[in-house]
Amino acid sequence: MVTANNCIDNKSTRKKVISHSASNSCISNSRRISTSKLSQNAQPKSITIADSNASSQNINDPNLVVKLGDISIFIKDINTLNDGQLLNDSIIDFYLKLVSKTIKNCVALSSFWYSKVLKKETWKPNDVKLNNDTKVFIPICFKKHWILIVFDNKFKSVCEYNSLKNLTDKAIISNCIKFINSTFPSLKSINWEIKVQTAPQQQDNNLTDCGVFVCLFARYLANDFEFNFNQDNITDFRLQITEEIRKAELENIGYGNLNKNQ
């Protein structure tokens, strides 16, 4: 087994990419995703072999698919990427960790971070170093709905990316600002500006695709891509994310080209 933005005005800062129609922005259901080069923002991945880091129980588990650091993905987790299924925390955490390990200047906190800090539990990320350009991704499951909170250290801003804008809680951002300081003391002196962002929306009668939207929000923001996807693309992206997780490798297909001047 193999183990493996900006939160500001789109018009002024996020790099534009070639727009894609629903028919060509994603791969076809009928063919396997091919391997392509990572963006020029790519960094070497910390991929390890399961027999060196996984527990003996995990090594011998025939249901183990892939492992990245302390996150193991099993067949039952992969099954949540099927159409009509709500992505579970393991898939969300693995994918955002893969993004943060592959693309520079971004950090992904665990999906358990928010619930733990609300309970006054101490949560410290391991081996996480921030710089002046770092984006911090925080996936949160609120009332069985996934959203993404993004702190942008470069622009000292924080915003919520939510694929169901009518399902939100204003206290989430204020709580995140309060507790981000205890997680990263270096951010304590920052006066965060709350930004309102427009994000692609899932259909009102769709309550299962929010996790896929969160993965895509993180992937696009990490690369400074403008959002060029919608609900019609989600089935194809479920397939692509599945392949990326299985290989523990991000692919460029469907995400556009990185602006070389950024």
Protein backbone atom coordinates (compact mmCIF):
# COMPACT_ATOMS: atom_id res chain seq x y z
CA MET A 1 0.00 0.00 0.00
CA VAL A 2 1.22 3.51 -0.71
CA THR A 3 0.76 6.09 2.04
CA ALA A 4 0.98 8.86 1.18
CA ASN A 5 -7.46 32.75 -2.07
CA ASN A 6 -7.33 34.32 -1.73
CA CYS A 7 -9.98 35.52 0.75
CA ILE A 8 -10.25 38.79 -1.07
CA ASP A 9 -11.95 40.33 -4.04
CA ASN A 10 -11.85 37.97 -7.04
CA LYS A 11 -11.41 40.82 -9.50
CA SER A 12 -8.37 42.37 -7.85
CA THR A 13 -6.27 39.47 -6.73
CA ARG A 14 -7.18 35.93 -7.69
CA LYS A 15 -5.51 34.95 -10.93
CA LYS A 16 -7.77 34.34 -13.89
CA VAL A 17 -7.60 31.03 -15.67
CA ILE A 18 -8.98 29.85 -18.98
CA SER A 19 -12.68 29.26 -18.43
CA HIS A 20 -14.01 25.78 -19.05
CA SER A 21 -17.49 24.73 -20.01
CA ALA A 22 -19.22 21.97 -18.08
CA SER A 23 -18.43 19.61 -20.93
CA ASN A 24 -14.66 20.17 -20.99
CA SER A 25 -13.70 21.31 -17.49
CA CYS A 26 -13.77 17.79 -16.13
CA ILE A 27 -12.91 14.38 -17.42
CA SER A 28 -15.48 12.03 -18.87
CA ASN A 29 -17.14 9.39 -16.72
CA SER A 30 -16.21 6.80 -19.31
CA ARG A 31 -12.43 7.08 -19.12
CA ARG A 32 -9.77 6.79 -16.49
CA ILE A 33 -7.99 9.92 -15.39
CA SER A 34 -4.52 10.19 -16.88
CA THR A 35 -1.52 11.44 -14.92
CA SER A 36 -0.41 15.00 -15.63
CA LYS A 37 2.19 17.32 -14.18
CA LEU A 38 1.43 19.28 -11.03
CA SER A 39 1.26 23.04 -11.11
CA GLN A 40 4.40 25.12 -10.83
CA ASN A 41 3.49 25.75 -7.20
CA ALA A 42 4.11 22.09 -6.49
CA GLN A 43 6.37 20.95 -3.69
CA PRO A 44 7.79 17.45 -3.09
CA LYS A 45 5.20 15.26 -1.40
CA SER A 46 5.77 13.46 1.90
CA ILE A 47 4.57 10.07 0.73
CA THR A 48 5.63 7.06 2.76
CA ILE A 49 5.21 3.34 2.39
CA ALA A 50 2.59 1.80 4.62
CA ASP A 51 4.94 -0.84 6.03
CA SER A 52 7.21 1.86 7.48
CA ASN A 53 4.70 4.13 9.22
CA ALA A 54 1.38 2.33 9.46
CA SER A 55 0.47 0.24 12.43
CA SER A 56 0.74 -3.51 11.97
CA GLN A 57 -3.03 -3.67 12.11
CA ASN A 58 -3.34 -1.22 9.22
CA ILE A 59 -0.62 -2.93 7.18
CA ASN A 60 -2.48 -6.22 7.21
CA ASP A 61 -5.92 -4.68 6.67
CA PRO A 62 -7.04 -5.61 3.14
CA ASN A 63 -9.41 -2.64 3.19
CA LEU A 64 -6.59 -0.10 3.52
CA VAL A 65 -6.34 1.95 0.32
CA VAL A 66 -3.77 4.65 1.06
CA LYS A 67 -2.09 6.43 3.96
CA LEU A 68 -0.77 9.98 4.26
CA GLY A 69 0.90 10.78 7.58
CA ASP A 70 -1.53 9.77 10.29
CA ILE A 71 -4.57 9.65 7.99
CA SER A 72 -5.58 6.23 6.65
CA ILE A 73 -8.15 5.80 3.91
CA PHE A 74 -10.13 2.58 3.74
CA ILE A 75 -12.57 1.25 1.18
CA LYS A 76 -15.50 2.45 3.29
CA ASP A 77 -14.10 6.00 3.08
CA ILE A 78 -13.63 5.81 -0.69
CA ASN A 79 -17.25 4.70 -1.00
CA THR A 80 -18.39 8.10 0.30
CA LEU A 81 -17.10 9.55 -3.00
CA ASN A 82 -19.89 7.75 -4.86
CA ASP A 83 -22.71 9.92 -6.18
CA GLY A 84 -25.32 10.74 -3.56
CA GLN A 85 -22.97 10.14 -0.61
CA LEU A 86 -21.79 12.74 1.91
CA LEU A 87 -17.99 12.81 2.12
CA ASN A 88 -16.74 11.73 5.54
CA ASP A 89 -14.10 13.45 7.66
CA SER A 90 -11.33 11.06 6.59
CA ILE A 91 -11.75 11.95 2.92
CA ILE A 92 -11.93 15.69 3.67
CA ASP A 93 -8.87 15.59 5.93
CA PHE A 94 -6.83 13.44 3.53
CA TYR A 95 -7.58 15.57 0.49
CA LEU A 96 -6.89 18.90 2.18
CA LYS A 97 -3.69 17.49 3.66
CA LEU A 98 -2.66 16.30 0.19
CA VAL A 99 -3.32 19.81 -1.15
CA SER A 100 -1.29 21.43 1.64
CA LYS A 101 1.63 19.02 1.20
CA THR A 102 1.68 19.45 -2.56
CA ILE A 103 1.10 23.18 -3.00
CA LYS A 104 3.23 25.67 -1.13
CA ASN A 105 1.95 28.35 1.25
CA CYS A 106 -1.13 26.55 2.51
CA VAL A 107 -1.91 24.63 5.70
CA ALA A 108 -4.93 22.42 6.39
CA LEU A 109 -6.24 21.94 9.91
CA SER A 110 -8.10 18.80 10.91
CA SER A 111 -11.88 18.71 10.52
CA PHE A 112 -11.91 18.01 14.28
CA TRP A 113 -10.13 21.26 15.13
CA TYR A 114 -13.28 23.36 15.44
CA SER A 115 -15.19 20.91 17.63
CA LYS A 116 -12.18 20.42 19.89
CA VAL A 117 -11.49 24.12 20.46
CA LEU A 118 -15.18 24.73 21.18
CA LYS A 119 -14.84 22.17 23.96
CA LYS A 120 -11.77 24.05 25.28
CA GLU A 121 -9.54 21.16 24.28
CA THR A 122 -5.98 21.92 23.27
CA TRP A 123 -5.18 21.16 19.67
CA LYS A 124 -1.72 21.78 18.25
CA PRO A 125 -0.85 21.00 14.62
CA ASN A 126 2.33 18.97 14.19
CA ASP A 127 5.25 20.41 12.25
CA VAL A 128 3.22 23.32 10.86
CA LYS A 129 5.12 26.47 10.01
CA LEU A 130 3.42 29.64 8.81
CA ASN A 131 4.89 32.40 6.69
CA ASN A 132 3.56 35.75 5.56
CA ASP A 133 1.79 34.22 2.54
CA THR A 134 0.21 31.18 4.20
CA LYS A 135 -3.44 30.32 3.76
CA VAL A 136 -4.97 28.23 6.55
CA PHE A 137 -7.82 25.93 5.49
CA ILE A 138 -10.32 24.84 8.16
CA PRO A 139 -13.01 22.36 7.08
CA ILE A 140 -16.03 22.38 9.38
CA CYS A 141 -19.08 20.13 9.42
CA PHE A 142 -22.04 22.21 10.61
CA LYS A 143 -25.47 20.56 10.83
CA LYS A 144 -24.27 17.78 8.52
CA HIS A 145 -23.06 20.38 6.02
CA TRP A 146 -19.40 20.96 5.11
CA ILE A 147 -18.03 24.49 4.80
CA LEU A 148 -14.49 25.86 4.46
CA ILE A 149 -13.06 28.70 6.54
CA VAL A 150 -9.92 30.28 5.08
CA PHE A 151 -7.45 32.51 6.89
CA ASP A 152 -5.19 34.40 4.49
CA ASN A 153 -2.09 35.59 6.32
CA LYS A 154 -0.93 37.69 3.35
CA PHE A 155 -4.05 39.85 3.29
CA LYS A 156 -4.97 39.44 6.97
CA SER A 157 -8.44 38.30 6.01
CA VAL A 158 -10.77 35.46 6.85
CA CYS A 159 -13.78 34.24 4.93
CA GLU A 160 -16.27 31.41 4.65
CA TYR A 161 -16.74 29.37 1.49
CA ASN A 162 -20.16 27.77 1.63
CA SER A 163 -21.96 25.92 -1.17
CA LEU A 164 -25.31 26.45 0.59
CA LYS A 165 -25.33 30.12 1.50
CA ASN A 166 -28.61 29.83 3.38
CA LEU A 167 -27.12 27.29 5.79
CA THR A 168 -24.61 29.16 7.90
CA ASP A 169 -23.86 30.40 11.40
CA LYS A 170 -22.23 33.80 11.91
CA ALA A 171 -20.67 32.56 15.14
CA ILE A 172 -18.41 30.14 13.25
CA ILE A 173 -16.07 32.78 11.85
CA SER A 174 -15.89 34.71 15.11
CA ASN A 175 -15.12 31.49 16.99
CA CYS A 176 -12.43 30.59 14.46
CA ILE A 177 -10.80 34.00 14.85
CA LYS A 178 -10.86 33.58 18.62
CA PHE A 179 -9.32 30.13 18.63
CA ILE A 180 -6.86 30.48 15.75
CA ASN A 181 -4.70 32.55 18.08
CA SER A 182 -4.32 29.72 20.57
CA THR A 183 -3.43 27.34 17.75
CA PHE A 184 -0.94 29.71 16.13
CA PRO A 185 0.37 32.27 18.66
CA SER A 186 2.21 34.07 15.85
CA LEU A 187 -1.19 35.19 14.51
CA LYS A 188 -2.37 36.62 17.82
CA SER A 189 -1.64 40.25 17.00
CA ILE A 190 -3.46 40.24 13.66
CA ASN A 191 -6.68 42.20 13.31
CA TRP A 192 -8.48 39.89 10.90
CA GLU A 193 -10.79 41.43 8.32
CA ILE A 194 -13.89 39.35 7.60
CA LYS A 195 -14.51 39.11 3.85
CA VAL A 196 -17.68 38.00 2.12
CA GLN A 197 -17.05 35.70 -0.81
CA THR A 198 -19.28 34.35 -3.54
CA ALA A 199 -18.80 30.61 -4.01
CA PRO A 200 -20.29 28.10 -6.48
CA GLN A 201 -23.56 26.75 -5.12
CA GLN A 202 -24.98 23.26 -4.98
CA GLN A 203 -28.61 22.72 -5.88
CA ASP A 204 -31.07 23.53 -3.08
CA ASN A 205 -32.39 19.96 -3.00
CA ASN A 206 -28.86 18.52 -2.88
CA LEU A 207 -27.57 17.83 0.63
CA THR A 208 -24.67 15.49 -0.15
CA ASP A 209 -22.22 17.31 -2.43
CA CYS A 210 -20.99 19.93 0.06
CA GLY A 211 -17.84 17.96 0.90
CA VAL A 212 -16.84 17.82 -2.77
CA PHE A 213 -17.31 21.59 -3.00
CA VAL A 214 -15.07 22.05 0.05
CA CYS A 215 -12.30 19.95 -1.56
CA LEU A 216 -12.58 22.02 -4.72
CA PHE A 217 -12.63 25.33 -2.85
CA ALA A 218 -9.36 24.39 -1.16
CA ARG A 219 -7.77 23.11 -4.36
CA TYR A 220 -8.65 26.23 -6.36
CA LEU A 221 -7.74 28.70 -3.61
CA ALA A 222 -4.40 27.01 -2.98
CA ASN A 223 -3.49 27.60 -6.64
CA ASP A 224 -5.10 31.07 -6.83
CA PHE A 225 -7.49 29.80 -9.49
CA GLU A 226 -10.84 31.44 -10.12
CA PHE A 227 -13.75 29.08 -9.53
CA ASN A 228 -14.89 27.67 -12.87
CA PHE A 229 -17.03 24.74 -11.76
CA ASN A 230 -20.66 24.24 -10.78
CA GLN A 231 -23.09 21.54 -9.71
CA ASP A 232 -23.04 19.97 -13.18
CA ASN A 233 -19.33 19.12 -12.77
CA ILE A 234 -19.50 17.43 -9.38
CA THR A 235 -19.97 13.84 -10.56
CA ASP A 236 -16.84 14.11 -12.70
CA PHE A 237 -14.91 15.72 -9.87
CA ARG A 238 -15.93 12.92 -7.50
CA LEU A 239 -14.21 10.52 -9.91
CA GLN A 240 -11.14 12.71 -10.21
CA ILE A 241 -10.77 13.20 -6.45
CA THR A 242 -11.11 9.44 -6.00
CA GLU A 243 -8.18 8.85 -8.36
CA GLU A 244 -6.10 11.58 -6.75
CA ILE A 245 -6.63 10.04 -3.32
CA ARG A 246 -5.87 6.51 -4.53
CA LYS A 247 -2.58 7.72 -6.06
CA ALA A 248 -1.88 10.30 -3.32
CA GLU A 249 -1.12 12.70 -6.14
CA LEU A 250 -2.87 15.81 -7.41
CA GLU A 251 -3.56 16.24 -11.11
CA ASN A 252 -4.14 19.32 -13.22
CA ILE A 253 -6.97 17.91 -15.32
CA GLY A 254 -10.07 20.05 -14.91
CA TYR A 255 -8.37 22.73 -12.85
CA GLY A 256 -7.00 25.02 -15.56
CA ASN A 257 -3.46 26.36 -15.92
CA LEU A 258 -1.53 28.23 -13.26
CA ASN A 259 -0.60 31.79 -14.17
CA LYS A 260 3.20 31.75 -14.44
CA ASN A 261 3.43 35.36 -13.29
CA GLN A 262 1.96 34.77 -9.84
